[in-house]
Amino acid sequence: MFGHITGNIFDLKSTKAIVNVHGMGFIINSTPSYLSKLRLNSEASFWTHTAVRENSLDLYGFETEEELRVFELLITVSGVGPKSGLAILSVAGVKSITEAVATNNTSALTKISGIGKKTAEKIVLELNGKLVSSDKDRARTNEDIDVFEALKSLGYRDRDIQEIIKNLPKEITGTNEKIKYALKNLGK
């Protein structure tokens, strides 16, 4: 229904933004990492998916068209609805999901809260061949999910964790080193 929305940010929540487009406020569900980049009263663009249910009409918005494409592939998997798809994409990101599917690594997906073994297996099976992975991104994927889960268990906010993981220097490798770096920088 809506493929792309551009407007001024009227309000921001942890997983939603209200975007004012010519006097109409659209509630758009999005990833905490993208929402953390946005500022009130500034212009933002979202690649959107409209989820139509019996009693609701929800918009899911993403920073890039690639994120939208992965989200739409995720929700084609039986047992993965829009909220679950957004949660998976928020925690794992496009690179980690693509890598997990390409390497048949269901354990990387089961580390995400709410994703059980059967759902992870369905995702890997049903998306195999539909997602393309690049070799340069393989080193960070599983470690990044481990770092995310470790920091989340310590009580840090999803948005803050994702921002730290995204900005990790390339020279920092290994889960423990990444966690140490994140802990030093999350308090700043």
N, C-alpha and C. Protein backbone atom coordinates (compact mmCIF):
# COMPACT_ATOMS: atom_id res chain seq x y z
N MET A 1 0.82 -1.18 0.00
CA MET A 1 0.00 0.00 0.00
C MET A 1 0.87 1.25 0.00
N PHE A 2 1.78 1.38 1.00
CA PHE A 2 2.73 2.47 1.02
C PHE A 2 4.11 1.86 0.84
N GLY A 3 4.87 2.32 -0.13
CA GLY A 3 6.19 1.76 -0.39
C GLY A 3 7.31 2.56 0.22
N HIS A 4 7.07 3.87 0.35
CA HIS A 4 8.12 4.75 0.87
C HIS A 4 7.44 5.98 1.44
N ILE A 5 7.89 6.38 2.63
CA ILE A 5 7.31 7.56 3.28
C ILE A 5 8.44 8.49 3.71
N THR A 6 8.29 9.77 3.38
CA THR A 6 9.24 10.79 3.82
C THR A 6 8.45 11.90 4.50
N GLY A 7 8.91 12.30 5.67
CA GLY A 7 8.23 13.36 6.40
C GLY A 7 9.05 13.79 7.60
N ASN A 8 8.50 14.70 8.38
CA ASN A 8 9.16 15.18 9.59
C ASN A 8 8.82 14.31 10.78
N ILE A 9 9.81 14.05 11.62
CA ILE A 9 9.60 13.24 12.81
C ILE A 9 8.83 14.09 13.83
N PHE A 10 7.65 13.63 14.17
CA PHE A 10 6.79 14.32 15.12
C PHE A 10 7.03 13.80 16.53
N ASP A 11 7.22 12.46 16.66
CA ASP A 11 7.45 11.85 17.97
C ASP A 11 8.27 10.57 17.78
N LEU A 12 9.09 10.25 18.77
CA LEU A 12 9.92 9.04 18.74
C LEU A 12 9.71 8.23 20.01
N LYS A 13 9.54 6.93 19.83
CA LYS A 13 9.49 5.98 20.94
C LYS A 13 10.62 4.97 20.69
N SER A 14 10.74 3.96 21.54
CA SER A 14 11.83 3.00 21.38
C SER A 14 11.71 2.16 20.12
N THR A 15 10.49 1.85 19.68
CA THR A 15 10.33 1.03 18.48
C THR A 15 9.40 1.66 17.45
N LYS A 16 9.00 2.91 17.67
CA LYS A 16 8.05 3.56 16.77
C LYS A 16 8.41 5.02 16.56
N ALA A 17 8.01 5.51 15.41
CA ALA A 17 8.13 6.94 15.12
C ALA A 17 6.79 7.40 14.56
N ILE A 18 6.42 8.62 14.89
CA ILE A 18 5.27 9.23 14.24
C ILE A 18 5.84 10.22 13.24
N VAL A 19 5.51 10.01 11.98
CA VAL A 19 6.05 10.82 10.89
C VAL A 19 4.93 11.68 10.34
N ASN A 20 5.13 13.00 10.36
CA ASN A 20 4.16 13.95 9.86
C ASN A 20 4.39 14.16 8.37
N VAL A 21 3.40 13.75 7.57
CA VAL A 21 3.47 13.93 6.12
C VAL A 21 2.27 14.79 5.71
N HIS A 22 2.54 16.06 5.47
CA HIS A 22 1.50 17.01 5.05
C HIS A 22 0.30 16.98 6.00
N GLY A 23 0.57 17.01 7.31
CA GLY A 23 -0.50 17.09 8.29
C GLY A 23 -1.04 15.76 8.77
N MET A 24 -0.61 14.66 8.17
CA MET A 24 -1.05 13.33 8.63
C MET A 24 0.09 12.67 9.38
N GLY A 25 -0.22 12.09 10.54
CA GLY A 25 0.80 11.42 11.33
C GLY A 25 0.76 9.92 11.14
N PHE A 26 1.78 9.36 10.52
CA PHE A 26 1.87 7.93 10.31
C PHE A 26 2.70 7.31 11.43
N ILE A 27 2.15 6.28 12.09
CA ILE A 27 2.91 5.54 13.10
C ILE A 27 3.67 4.44 12.36
N ILE A 28 5.00 4.50 12.47
CA ILE A 28 5.84 3.55 11.75
C ILE A 28 6.68 2.78 12.76
N ASN A 29 6.52 1.46 12.77
CA ASN A 29 7.35 0.58 13.60
C ASN A 29 8.68 0.41 12.89
N SER A 30 9.77 0.51 13.64
CA SER A 30 11.09 0.41 13.01
C SER A 30 12.10 -0.16 13.98
N THR A 31 13.31 -0.36 13.49
CA THR A 31 14.38 -0.91 14.33
C THR A 31 14.93 0.18 15.24
N PRO A 32 15.29 -0.18 16.46
CA PRO A 32 15.87 0.80 17.37
C PRO A 32 17.13 1.46 16.82
N SER A 33 17.91 0.72 16.04
CA SER A 33 19.14 1.31 15.50
C SER A 33 18.84 2.44 14.53
N TYR A 34 17.80 2.32 13.71
CA TYR A 34 17.45 3.40 12.80
C TYR A 34 16.81 4.55 13.56
N LEU A 35 15.92 4.23 14.49
CA LEU A 35 15.24 5.28 15.24
C LEU A 35 16.22 6.11 16.06
N SER A 36 17.31 5.49 16.51
CA SER A 36 18.30 6.24 17.31
C SER A 36 19.01 7.31 16.48
N LYS A 37 18.99 7.18 15.17
CA LYS A 37 19.62 8.16 14.29
C LYS A 37 18.73 9.36 14.03
N LEU A 38 17.45 9.21 14.28
CA LEU A 38 16.48 10.24 13.95
C LEU A 38 16.33 11.26 15.06
N ARG A 39 15.96 12.46 14.70
CA ARG A 39 15.75 13.55 15.66
C ARG A 39 14.38 14.18 15.43
N LEU A 40 13.78 14.64 16.51
CA LEU A 40 12.48 15.30 16.40
C LEU A 40 12.57 16.50 15.46
N ASN A 41 11.51 16.73 14.73
CA ASN A 41 11.37 17.85 13.79
C ASN A 41 12.36 17.82 12.63
N SER A 42 13.03 16.71 12.42
CA SER A 42 13.91 16.61 11.26
C SER A 42 13.27 15.65 10.25
N GLU A 43 13.68 15.76 9.00
CA GLU A 43 13.10 14.92 7.96
C GLU A 43 13.71 13.53 7.98
N ALA A 44 12.88 12.53 7.72
CA ALA A 44 13.34 11.15 7.66
C ALA A 44 12.58 10.42 6.56
N SER A 45 13.22 9.38 6.04
CA SER A 45 12.61 8.55 5.01
C SER A 45 12.58 7.11 5.46
N PHE A 46 11.52 6.42 5.13
CA PHE A 46 11.35 5.01 5.48
C PHE A 46 10.94 4.22 4.25
N TRP A 47 11.58 3.08 4.02
CA TRP A 47 11.09 2.09 3.08
C TRP A 47 10.07 1.29 3.88
N THR A 48 8.82 1.23 3.42
CA THR A 48 7.76 0.70 4.27
C THR A 48 7.10 -0.56 3.75
N HIS A 49 6.59 -1.31 4.72
CA HIS A 49 5.75 -2.48 4.47
C HIS A 49 4.46 -2.25 5.23
N THR A 50 3.33 -2.46 4.59
CA THR A 50 2.03 -2.31 5.24
C THR A 50 1.52 -3.69 5.62
N ALA A 51 1.29 -3.91 6.89
CA ALA A 51 0.76 -5.19 7.38
C ALA A 51 -0.72 -5.00 7.67
N VAL A 52 -1.55 -5.72 6.93
CA VAL A 52 -2.99 -5.62 7.08
C VAL A 52 -3.50 -6.85 7.83
N ARG A 53 -4.15 -6.62 8.93
CA ARG A 53 -4.74 -7.68 9.74
C ARG A 53 -6.24 -7.42 9.84
N GLU A 54 -6.94 -8.36 10.40
CA GLU A 54 -8.38 -8.23 10.55
C GLU A 54 -8.77 -6.96 11.32
N ASN A 55 -8.00 -6.64 12.35
CA ASN A 55 -8.35 -5.49 13.18
C ASN A 55 -7.25 -4.43 13.27
N SER A 56 -6.29 -4.47 12.35
CA SER A 56 -5.23 -3.44 12.40
C SER A 56 -4.60 -3.24 11.03
N LEU A 57 -4.02 -2.08 10.89
CA LEU A 57 -3.26 -1.70 9.70
C LEU A 57 -1.98 -1.06 10.22
N ASP A 58 -0.86 -1.79 10.11
CA ASP A 58 0.40 -1.33 10.69
C ASP A 58 1.44 -1.08 9.62
N LEU A 59 2.25 -0.06 9.85
CA LEU A 59 3.36 0.25 8.95
C LEU A 59 4.68 -0.14 9.62
N TYR A 60 5.55 -0.78 8.86
CA TYR A 60 6.90 -1.14 9.31
C TYR A 60 7.86 -0.44 8.37
N GLY A 61 8.76 0.35 8.93
CA GLY A 61 9.65 1.16 8.11
C GLY A 61 11.11 0.87 8.37
N PHE A 62 11.91 0.99 7.30
CA PHE A 62 13.32 0.65 7.37
C PHE A 62 14.17 1.71 6.69
N GLU A 63 15.42 1.77 7.13
CA GLU A 63 16.35 2.76 6.59
C GLU A 63 16.70 2.46 5.14
N THR A 64 16.88 1.18 4.81
CA THR A 64 17.30 0.82 3.46
C THR A 64 16.30 -0.13 2.80
N GLU A 65 16.36 -0.17 1.51
CA GLU A 65 15.51 -1.08 0.76
C GLU A 65 15.92 -2.53 1.03
N GLU A 66 17.20 -2.76 1.29
CA GLU A 66 17.68 -4.12 1.60
C GLU A 66 17.07 -4.63 2.90
N GLU A 67 16.99 -3.77 3.93
CA GLU A 67 16.35 -4.17 5.19
C GLU A 67 14.89 -4.53 4.96
N LEU A 68 14.21 -3.73 4.15
CA LEU A 68 12.81 -4.01 3.83
C LEU A 68 12.68 -5.36 3.13
N ARG A 69 13.57 -5.62 2.18
CA ARG A 69 13.51 -6.88 1.44
C ARG A 69 13.71 -8.08 2.37
N VAL A 70 14.68 -8.00 3.28
CA VAL A 70 14.94 -9.09 4.22
C VAL A 70 13.74 -9.26 5.16
N PHE A 71 13.19 -8.15 5.64
CA PHE A 71 11.99 -8.20 6.50
C PHE A 71 10.85 -8.91 5.78
N GLU A 72 10.60 -8.53 4.53
CA GLU A 72 9.51 -9.14 3.78
C GLU A 72 9.75 -10.62 3.52
N LEU A 73 11.01 -11.02 3.36
CA LEU A 73 11.31 -12.44 3.23
C LEU A 73 11.09 -13.16 4.56
N LEU A 74 11.50 -12.54 5.66
CA LEU A 74 11.31 -13.16 6.98
C LEU A 74 9.83 -13.44 7.27
N ILE A 75 8.97 -12.50 6.94
CA ILE A 75 7.56 -12.69 7.29
C ILE A 75 6.83 -13.66 6.35
N THR A 76 7.52 -14.13 5.31
CA THR A 76 6.94 -15.20 4.48
C THR A 76 7.11 -16.56 5.15
N VAL A 77 7.99 -16.64 6.13
CA VAL A 77 8.23 -17.90 6.85
C VAL A 77 7.07 -18.12 7.81
N SER A 78 6.49 -19.32 7.77
CA SER A 78 5.36 -19.60 8.66
C SER A 78 5.82 -19.52 10.10
N GLY A 79 5.04 -18.83 10.92
CA GLY A 79 5.39 -18.64 12.32
C GLY A 79 6.13 -17.35 12.60
N VAL A 80 6.48 -16.61 11.56
CA VAL A 80 7.16 -15.33 11.73
C VAL A 80 6.24 -14.23 11.21
N GLY A 81 5.68 -13.47 12.13
CA GLY A 81 4.82 -12.35 11.77
C GLY A 81 5.62 -11.07 11.70
N PRO A 82 4.97 -9.96 11.39
CA PRO A 82 5.68 -8.69 11.30
C PRO A 82 6.42 -8.28 12.57
N LYS A 83 5.80 -8.49 13.74
CA LYS A 83 6.48 -8.12 14.99
C LYS A 83 7.71 -8.98 15.22
N SER A 84 7.59 -10.27 14.96
CA SER A 84 8.75 -11.17 15.11
C SER A 84 9.82 -10.83 14.08
N GLY A 85 9.40 -10.56 12.86
CA GLY A 85 10.35 -10.20 11.80
C GLY A 85 11.13 -8.95 12.14
N LEU A 86 10.42 -7.97 12.70
CA LEU A 86 11.09 -6.73 13.11
C LEU A 86 12.05 -7.00 14.26
N ALA A 87 11.65 -7.84 15.20
CA ALA A 87 12.52 -8.18 16.33
C ALA A 87 13.79 -8.90 15.85
N ILE A 88 13.62 -9.82 14.93
CA ILE A 88 14.77 -10.55 14.39
C ILE A 88 15.72 -9.58 13.69
N LEU A 89 15.18 -8.74 12.86
CA LEU A 89 15.99 -7.77 12.12
C LEU A 89 16.64 -6.76 13.06
N SER A 90 15.94 -6.39 14.12
CA SER A 90 16.49 -5.43 15.09
C SER A 90 17.70 -5.99 15.81
N VAL A 91 17.63 -7.25 16.19
CA VAL A 91 18.72 -7.86 16.95
C VAL A 91 19.85 -8.32 16.04
N ALA A 92 19.50 -9.06 15.00
CA ALA A 92 20.53 -9.69 14.17
C ALA A 92 21.05 -8.79 13.05
N GLY A 93 20.19 -8.03 12.44
CA GLY A 93 20.61 -7.22 11.30
C GLY A 93 20.66 -8.05 10.02
N VAL A 94 20.72 -7.36 8.92
CA VAL A 94 20.69 -8.00 7.60
C VAL A 94 21.87 -8.95 7.43
N LYS A 95 23.07 -8.50 7.81
CA LYS A 95 24.27 -9.31 7.59
C LYS A 95 24.23 -10.61 8.37
N SER A 96 23.83 -10.55 9.63
CA SER A 96 23.79 -11.76 10.46
C SER A 96 22.73 -12.74 9.97
N ILE A 97 21.58 -12.24 9.58
CA ILE A 97 20.52 -13.11 9.07
C ILE A 97 20.97 -13.78 7.78
N THR A 98 21.53 -12.99 6.88
CA THR A 98 22.01 -13.52 5.61
C THR A 98 23.07 -14.58 5.83
N GLU A 99 23.99 -14.31 6.73
CA GLU A 99 25.05 -15.26 7.03
C GLU A 99 24.51 -16.53 7.66
N ALA A 100 23.60 -16.40 8.61
CA ALA A 100 23.02 -17.57 9.27
C ALA A 100 22.31 -18.47 8.25
N VAL A 101 21.58 -17.87 7.34
CA VAL A 101 20.88 -18.64 6.31
C VAL A 101 21.87 -19.30 5.35
N ALA A 102 22.88 -18.54 4.93
CA ALA A 102 23.86 -19.06 3.97
C ALA A 102 24.66 -20.22 4.54
N THR A 103 24.92 -20.21 5.85
CA THR A 103 25.74 -21.26 6.46
C THR A 103 24.91 -22.29 7.23
N ASN A 104 23.59 -22.21 7.09
CA ASN A 104 22.68 -23.11 7.81
C ASN A 104 22.93 -23.08 9.32
N ASN A 105 23.22 -21.93 9.86
CA ASN A 105 23.56 -21.76 11.26
C ASN A 105 22.32 -21.37 12.06
N THR A 106 21.53 -22.37 12.44
CA THR A 106 20.31 -22.08 13.20
C THR A 106 20.62 -21.60 14.61
N SER A 107 21.76 -22.00 15.15
CA SER A 107 22.09 -21.58 16.53
C SER A 107 22.27 -20.07 16.63
N ALA A 108 22.72 -19.42 15.56
CA ALA A 108 22.85 -17.96 15.58
C ALA A 108 21.49 -17.31 15.71
N LEU A 109 20.46 -17.92 15.13
CA LEU A 109 19.11 -17.35 15.20
C LEU A 109 18.41 -17.68 16.50
N THR A 110 18.70 -18.85 17.09
CA THR A 110 18.03 -19.22 18.34
C THR A 110 18.52 -18.38 19.52
N LYS A 111 19.62 -17.68 19.35
CA LYS A 111 20.12 -16.80 20.41
C LYS A 111 19.25 -15.55 20.53
N ILE A 112 18.44 -15.29 19.53
CA ILE A 112 17.55 -14.13 19.54
C ILE A 112 16.32 -14.48 20.39
N SER A 113 16.01 -13.64 21.33
CA SER A 113 14.87 -13.87 22.22
C SER A 113 13.59 -14.08 21.42
N GLY A 114 12.87 -15.17 21.72
CA GLY A 114 11.61 -15.44 21.06
C GLY A 114 11.72 -16.35 19.84
N ILE A 115 12.95 -16.68 19.43
CA ILE A 115 13.13 -17.55 18.28
C ILE A 115 13.60 -18.91 18.77
N GLY A 116 12.73 -19.90 18.61
CA GLY A 116 13.07 -21.26 19.02
C GLY A 116 13.76 -22.01 17.90
N LYS A 117 14.13 -23.24 18.22
CA LYS A 117 14.86 -24.07 17.26
C LYS A 117 14.05 -24.33 15.99
N LYS A 118 12.77 -24.63 16.14
CA LYS A 118 11.94 -24.93 14.96
C LYS A 118 11.78 -23.71 14.06
N THR A 119 11.57 -22.55 14.66
CA THR A 119 11.42 -21.34 13.86
C THR A 119 12.73 -21.01 13.15
N ALA A 120 13.85 -21.16 13.86
CA ALA A 120 15.16 -20.90 13.24
C ALA A 120 15.39 -21.85 12.07
N GLU A 121 15.03 -23.10 12.24
CA GLU A 121 15.18 -24.08 11.16
C GLU A 121 14.31 -23.71 9.96
N LYS A 122 13.08 -23.26 10.23
CA LYS A 122 12.19 -22.84 9.14
C LYS A 122 12.79 -21.65 8.39
N ILE A 123 13.33 -20.68 9.14
CA ILE A 123 13.91 -19.50 8.51
C ILE A 123 15.05 -19.91 7.59
N VAL A 124 15.95 -20.74 8.10
CA VAL A 124 17.10 -21.18 7.30
C VAL A 124 16.64 -21.97 6.08
N LEU A 125 15.70 -22.88 6.27
CA LEU A 125 15.23 -23.71 5.17
C LEU A 125 14.49 -22.90 4.10
N GLU A 126 13.57 -22.07 4.53
CA GLU A 126 12.72 -21.35 3.59
C GLU A 126 13.41 -20.17 2.92
N LEU A 127 14.44 -19.60 3.56
CA LEU A 127 15.13 -18.46 2.95
C LEU A 127 16.42 -18.85 2.25
N ASN A 128 16.80 -20.13 2.34
CA ASN A 128 18.02 -20.59 1.69
C ASN A 128 17.92 -20.34 0.18
N GLY A 129 18.91 -19.65 -0.36
CA GLY A 129 18.92 -19.33 -1.78
C GLY A 129 18.26 -18.00 -2.11
N LYS A 130 17.50 -17.44 -1.16
CA LYS A 130 16.84 -16.16 -1.40
C LYS A 130 17.66 -14.98 -0.91
N LEU A 131 18.61 -15.25 -0.01
CA LEU A 131 19.48 -14.21 0.52
C LEU A 131 20.90 -14.47 0.05
N VAL A 132 21.62 -13.41 -0.29
CA VAL A 132 22.99 -13.53 -0.76
C VAL A 132 23.92 -12.96 0.30
N SER A 133 24.95 -13.73 0.66
CA SER A 133 25.89 -13.33 1.69
C SER A 133 27.22 -12.95 1.07
N SER A 134 27.92 -12.01 1.70
CA SER A 134 29.27 -11.68 1.24
C SER A 134 30.27 -12.18 2.27
N ASP A 135 31.39 -12.69 1.83
CA ASP A 135 32.39 -13.27 2.72
C ASP A 135 32.96 -12.28 3.72
N LYS A 136 33.06 -11.00 3.36
CA LYS A 136 33.69 -10.03 4.25
C LYS A 136 32.88 -9.79 5.51
N ASP A 137 31.59 -10.11 5.51
CA ASP A 137 30.75 -9.87 6.67
C ASP A 137 30.66 -11.07 7.62
N ARG A 138 31.21 -12.20 7.23
CA ARG A 138 31.03 -13.42 8.02
C ARG A 138 31.68 -13.37 9.39
N ALA A 139 32.79 -12.67 9.54
CA ALA A 139 33.52 -12.68 10.81
C ALA A 139 32.73 -12.06 11.95
N ARG A 140 31.90 -11.09 11.69
CA ARG A 140 31.25 -10.34 12.76
C ARG A 140 29.91 -10.93 13.20
N THR A 141 29.25 -11.69 12.36
CA THR A 141 27.85 -12.02 12.59
C THR A 141 27.56 -12.73 13.90
N ASN A 142 28.08 -13.92 14.11
CA ASN A 142 27.76 -14.68 15.32
C ASN A 142 28.26 -13.97 16.57
N GLU A 143 29.44 -13.40 16.50
CA GLU A 143 29.99 -12.67 17.64
C GLU A 143 29.07 -11.50 18.00
N ASP A 144 28.58 -10.79 17.00
CA ASP A 144 27.73 -9.63 17.27
C ASP A 144 26.42 -10.03 17.96
N ILE A 145 25.86 -11.16 17.59
CA ILE A 145 24.65 -11.63 18.25
C ILE A 145 24.96 -11.98 19.70
N ASP A 146 26.11 -12.64 19.94
CA ASP A 146 26.52 -12.97 21.31
C ASP A 146 26.73 -11.71 22.14
N VAL A 147 27.37 -10.71 21.54
CA VAL A 147 27.62 -9.44 22.24
C VAL A 147 26.28 -8.78 22.59
N PHE A 148 25.37 -8.75 21.63
CA PHE A 148 24.06 -8.14 21.85
C PHE A 148 23.35 -8.81 23.02
N GLU A 149 23.28 -10.14 22.99
CA GLU A 149 22.57 -10.87 24.04
C GLU A 149 23.23 -10.67 25.41
N ALA A 150 24.56 -10.65 25.45
CA ALA A 150 25.27 -10.46 26.71
C ALA A 150 24.96 -9.08 27.30
N LEU A 151 25.01 -8.05 26.46
CA LEU A 151 24.76 -6.69 26.95
C LEU A 151 23.29 -6.49 27.32
N LYS A 152 22.41 -7.12 26.58
CA LYS A 152 20.98 -7.03 26.89
C LYS A 152 20.70 -7.66 28.25
N SER A 153 21.37 -8.80 28.53
CA SER A 153 21.16 -9.46 29.82
C SER A 153 21.68 -8.61 30.99
N LEU A 154 22.59 -7.68 30.69
CA LEU A 154 23.09 -6.77 31.71
C LEU A 154 22.19 -5.55 31.89
N GLY A 155 21.14 -5.45 31.08
CA GLY A 155 20.16 -4.39 31.25
C GLY A 155 20.31 -3.19 30.33
N TYR A 156 21.22 -3.25 29.38
CA TYR A 156 21.37 -2.13 28.44
C TYR A 156 20.24 -2.13 27.43
N ARG A 157 19.91 -0.95 26.89
CA ARG A 157 18.82 -0.80 25.93
C ARG A 157 19.24 -1.28 24.55
N ASP A 158 18.28 -1.88 23.83
CA ASP A 158 18.54 -2.40 22.48
C ASP A 158 19.17 -1.34 21.59
N ARG A 159 18.61 -0.15 21.61
CA ARG A 159 19.06 0.94 20.75
C ARG A 159 20.54 1.26 21.01
N ASP A 160 20.92 1.34 22.28
CA ASP A 160 22.30 1.66 22.64
C ASP A 160 23.25 0.54 22.23
N ILE A 161 22.82 -0.69 22.45
CA ILE A 161 23.65 -1.85 22.11
C ILE A 161 23.90 -1.89 20.61
N GLN A 162 22.85 -1.73 19.83
CA GLN A 162 22.99 -1.81 18.38
C GLN A 162 23.90 -0.71 17.84
N GLU A 163 23.82 0.45 18.43
CA GLU A 163 24.67 1.56 18.00
C GLU A 163 26.14 1.25 18.29
N ILE A 164 26.43 0.69 19.46
CA ILE A 164 27.80 0.32 19.82
C ILE A 164 28.31 -0.77 18.88
N ILE A 165 27.51 -1.80 18.64
CA ILE A 165 27.94 -2.90 17.78
C ILE A 165 28.21 -2.40 16.37
N LYS A 166 27.36 -1.53 15.89
CA LYS A 166 27.53 -1.00 14.53
C LYS A 166 28.83 -0.20 14.41
N ASN A 167 29.23 0.45 15.49
CA ASN A 167 30.41 1.31 15.45
C ASN A 167 31.67 0.66 16.02
N LEU A 168 31.64 -0.66 16.20
CA LEU A 168 32.84 -1.36 16.70
C LEU A 168 33.99 -1.20 15.71
N PRO A 169 35.16 -0.84 16.19
CA PRO A 169 36.32 -0.77 15.28
C PRO A 169 36.62 -2.15 14.70
N LYS A 170 37.03 -2.18 13.45
CA LYS A 170 37.31 -3.45 12.75
C LYS A 170 38.40 -4.26 13.43
N GLU A 171 39.35 -3.57 14.09
CA GLU A 171 40.48 -4.27 14.69
C GLU A 171 40.10 -5.03 15.97
N ILE A 172 38.92 -4.76 16.52
CA ILE A 172 38.48 -5.48 17.72
C ILE A 172 37.77 -6.75 17.27
N THR A 173 38.37 -7.88 17.66
CA THR A 173 37.80 -9.18 17.27
C THR A 173 37.59 -10.02 18.52
N GLY A 174 36.73 -10.99 18.41
CA GLY A 174 36.43 -11.87 19.52
C GLY A 174 35.32 -11.31 20.37
N THR A 175 34.45 -12.19 20.81
CA THR A 175 33.28 -11.78 21.58
C THR A 175 33.67 -11.04 22.86
N ASN A 176 34.63 -11.59 23.62
CA ASN A 176 35.02 -10.97 24.89
C ASN A 176 35.57 -9.57 24.69
N GLU A 177 36.41 -9.39 23.67
CA GLU A 177 36.99 -8.07 23.41
C GLU A 177 35.91 -7.07 23.00
N LYS A 178 34.96 -7.53 22.22
CA LYS A 178 33.87 -6.65 21.80
C LYS A 178 33.00 -6.23 23.00
N ILE A 179 32.76 -7.17 23.90
CA ILE A 179 31.97 -6.86 25.09
C ILE A 179 32.72 -5.86 25.97
N LYS A 180 34.03 -6.06 26.15
CA LYS A 180 34.82 -5.12 26.95
C LYS A 180 34.77 -3.72 26.35
N TYR A 181 34.94 -3.63 25.03
CA TYR A 181 34.88 -2.33 24.35
C TYR A 181 33.50 -1.69 24.57
N ALA A 182 32.45 -2.48 24.38
CA ALA A 182 31.10 -1.96 24.51
C ALA A 182 30.83 -1.47 25.93
N LEU A 183 31.27 -2.23 26.92
CA LEU A 183 31.04 -1.83 28.32
C LEU A 183 31.76 -0.51 28.65
N LYS A 184 32.95 -0.34 28.10
CA LYS A 184 33.69 0.91 28.33
C LYS A 184 32.98 2.11 27.71
N ASN A 185 32.36 1.87 26.54
CA ASN A 185 31.78 2.97 25.79
C ASN A 185 30.29 3.19 26.01
N LEU A 186 29.59 2.22 26.57
CA LEU A 186 28.15 2.40 26.82
C LEU A 186 27.89 3.39 27.94
N GLY A 187 28.82 3.50 28.86
CA GLY A 187 28.62 4.41 29.98
C GLY A 187 28.90 5.86 29.66
N LYS A 188 29.44 6.14 28.49
CA LYS A 188 29.81 7.51 28.14
C LYS A 188 28.64 8.32 27.65
